Amino acid sequence: MENKIAALLERGEIRDRFDIEFLLRQGIPLPDLPETNMAKMIAN
C-alpha cells in the first residue's frame, strides 16, 4: 500500500488511484500518513 501511495503522489495517474481502491476493498488499511500527503492524495 505504501508503494502505491508513493506512486500516486509522484505520478498522480488514475491507475494508482484504482490500485489503492482495490487494496482498500481487499481489507488492506491505509497507513498512517502525514496530513500533507493525505491532502495531496485527495487533490490529485
N, C-alpha and C. Protein backbone atom coordinates (compact mmCIF):
# COMPACT_ATOMS: atom_id res chain seq x y z
N MET A 1 0.82 -1.18 0.00
CA MET A 1 0.00 0.00 0.00
C MET A 1 0.87 1.26 0.00
N GLU A 2 1.95 1.23 0.78
CA GLU A 2 2.81 2.41 0.84
C GLU A 2 3.44 2.72 -0.51
N ASN A 3 3.79 1.68 -1.27
CA ASN A 3 4.36 1.89 -2.60
C ASN A 3 3.33 2.51 -3.55
N LYS A 4 2.09 2.09 -3.44
CA LYS A 4 1.03 2.63 -4.30
C LYS A 4 0.77 4.09 -3.96
N ILE A 5 0.81 4.42 -2.68
CA ILE A 5 0.60 5.82 -2.28
C ILE A 5 1.75 6.68 -2.78
N ALA A 6 2.97 6.17 -2.66
CA ALA A 6 4.13 6.92 -3.16
C ALA A 6 4.01 7.14 -4.66
N ALA A 7 3.56 6.12 -5.39
CA ALA A 7 3.39 6.26 -6.83
C ALA A 7 2.33 7.30 -7.15
N LEU A 8 1.23 7.31 -6.42
CA LEU A 8 0.19 8.30 -6.65
C LEU A 8 0.71 9.71 -6.40
N LEU A 9 1.46 9.89 -5.33
CA LEU A 9 1.98 11.21 -5.01
C LEU A 9 3.00 11.68 -6.03
N GLU A 10 3.78 10.76 -6.60
CA GLU A 10 4.79 11.14 -7.58
C GLU A 10 4.21 11.31 -8.97
N ARG A 11 3.39 10.35 -9.42
CA ARG A 11 2.90 10.37 -10.79
C ARG A 11 1.51 10.97 -10.91
N GLY A 12 0.65 10.67 -9.96
CA GLY A 12 -0.70 11.19 -9.99
C GLY A 12 -1.57 10.58 -11.08
N GLU A 13 -1.24 9.36 -11.52
CA GLU A 13 -2.01 8.73 -12.58
C GLU A 13 -3.23 8.01 -12.01
N ILE A 14 -4.26 7.93 -12.84
CA ILE A 14 -5.52 7.36 -12.40
C ILE A 14 -5.37 5.89 -12.01
N ARG A 15 -4.48 5.17 -12.66
CA ARG A 15 -4.33 3.74 -12.32
C ARG A 15 -3.84 3.55 -10.90
N ASP A 16 -3.06 4.53 -10.39
CA ASP A 16 -2.62 4.44 -9.00
C ASP A 16 -3.80 4.55 -8.04
N ARG A 17 -4.77 5.40 -8.39
CA ARG A 17 -5.98 5.52 -7.58
C ARG A 17 -6.77 4.21 -7.58
N PHE A 18 -6.89 3.60 -8.77
CA PHE A 18 -7.62 2.33 -8.87
C PHE A 18 -6.94 1.24 -8.05
N ASP A 19 -5.61 1.22 -8.09
CA ASP A 19 -4.88 0.22 -7.31
C ASP A 19 -5.12 0.39 -5.82
N ILE A 20 -5.10 1.64 -5.36
CA ILE A 20 -5.34 1.91 -3.94
C ILE A 20 -6.76 1.51 -3.56
N GLU A 21 -7.72 1.85 -4.41
CA GLU A 21 -9.11 1.47 -4.12
C GLU A 21 -9.25 -0.05 -4.04
N PHE A 22 -8.61 -0.76 -4.95
CA PHE A 22 -8.66 -2.22 -4.95
C PHE A 22 -8.10 -2.77 -3.64
N LEU A 23 -6.96 -2.25 -3.22
CA LEU A 23 -6.35 -2.73 -1.97
C LEU A 23 -7.25 -2.42 -0.77
N LEU A 24 -7.87 -1.26 -0.76
CA LEU A 24 -8.79 -0.92 0.33
C LEU A 24 -9.97 -1.88 0.36
N ARG A 25 -10.49 -2.22 -0.80
CA ARG A 25 -11.63 -3.16 -0.86
C ARG A 25 -11.23 -4.56 -0.42
N GLN A 26 -9.95 -4.89 -0.54
CA GLN A 26 -9.45 -6.19 -0.09
C GLN A 26 -9.18 -6.21 1.41
N GLY A 27 -9.37 -5.05 2.06
CA GLY A 27 -9.21 -5.00 3.51
C GLY A 27 -7.86 -4.50 3.99
N ILE A 28 -7.03 -4.04 3.09
CA ILE A 28 -5.73 -3.51 3.49
C ILE A 28 -5.93 -2.05 3.88
N PRO A 29 -5.60 -1.70 5.12
CA PRO A 29 -5.86 -0.32 5.58
C PRO A 29 -4.81 0.66 5.05
N LEU A 30 -5.20 1.92 5.04
CA LEU A 30 -4.24 2.98 4.72
C LEU A 30 -3.25 3.10 5.86
N PRO A 31 -1.98 3.29 5.57
CA PRO A 31 -1.03 3.51 6.65
C PRO A 31 -1.21 4.92 7.22
N ASP A 32 -0.65 5.15 8.38
CA ASP A 32 -0.68 6.50 8.95
C ASP A 32 0.16 7.41 8.06
N LEU A 33 -0.47 8.46 7.57
CA LEU A 33 0.19 9.38 6.66
C LEU A 33 0.23 10.78 7.26
N PRO A 34 1.28 11.52 6.92
CA PRO A 34 1.28 12.93 7.33
C PRO A 34 0.11 13.66 6.67
N GLU A 35 -0.37 14.68 7.31
CA GLU A 35 -1.51 15.44 6.80
C GLU A 35 -1.25 15.99 5.40
N THR A 36 -0.01 16.39 5.12
CA THR A 36 0.30 16.96 3.80
C THR A 36 0.16 15.89 2.71
N ASN A 37 0.57 14.66 2.99
CA ASN A 37 0.44 13.60 2.00
C ASN A 37 -1.02 13.25 1.76
N MET A 38 -1.82 13.25 2.81
CA MET A 38 -3.24 12.95 2.66
C MET A 38 -3.91 14.03 1.81
N ALA A 39 -3.54 15.28 2.03
CA ALA A 39 -4.11 16.38 1.25
C ALA A 39 -3.71 16.26 -0.21
N LYS A 40 -2.46 15.86 -0.48
CA LYS A 40 -2.00 15.69 -1.86
C LYS A 40 -2.76 14.55 -2.55
N MET A 41 -3.01 13.47 -1.80
CA MET A 41 -3.76 12.34 -2.39
C MET A 41 -5.16 12.78 -2.78
N ILE A 42 -5.80 13.55 -1.94
CA ILE A 42 -7.15 13.99 -2.22
C ILE A 42 -7.15 14.99 -3.38
N ALA A 43 -6.16 15.83 -3.46
CA ALA A 43 -6.10 16.86 -4.51
C ALA A 43 -5.80 16.27 -5.88
N ASN A 44 -5.08 15.14 -5.92
CA ASN A 44 -4.72 14.55 -7.23
C ASN A 44 -5.92 14.08 -7.92
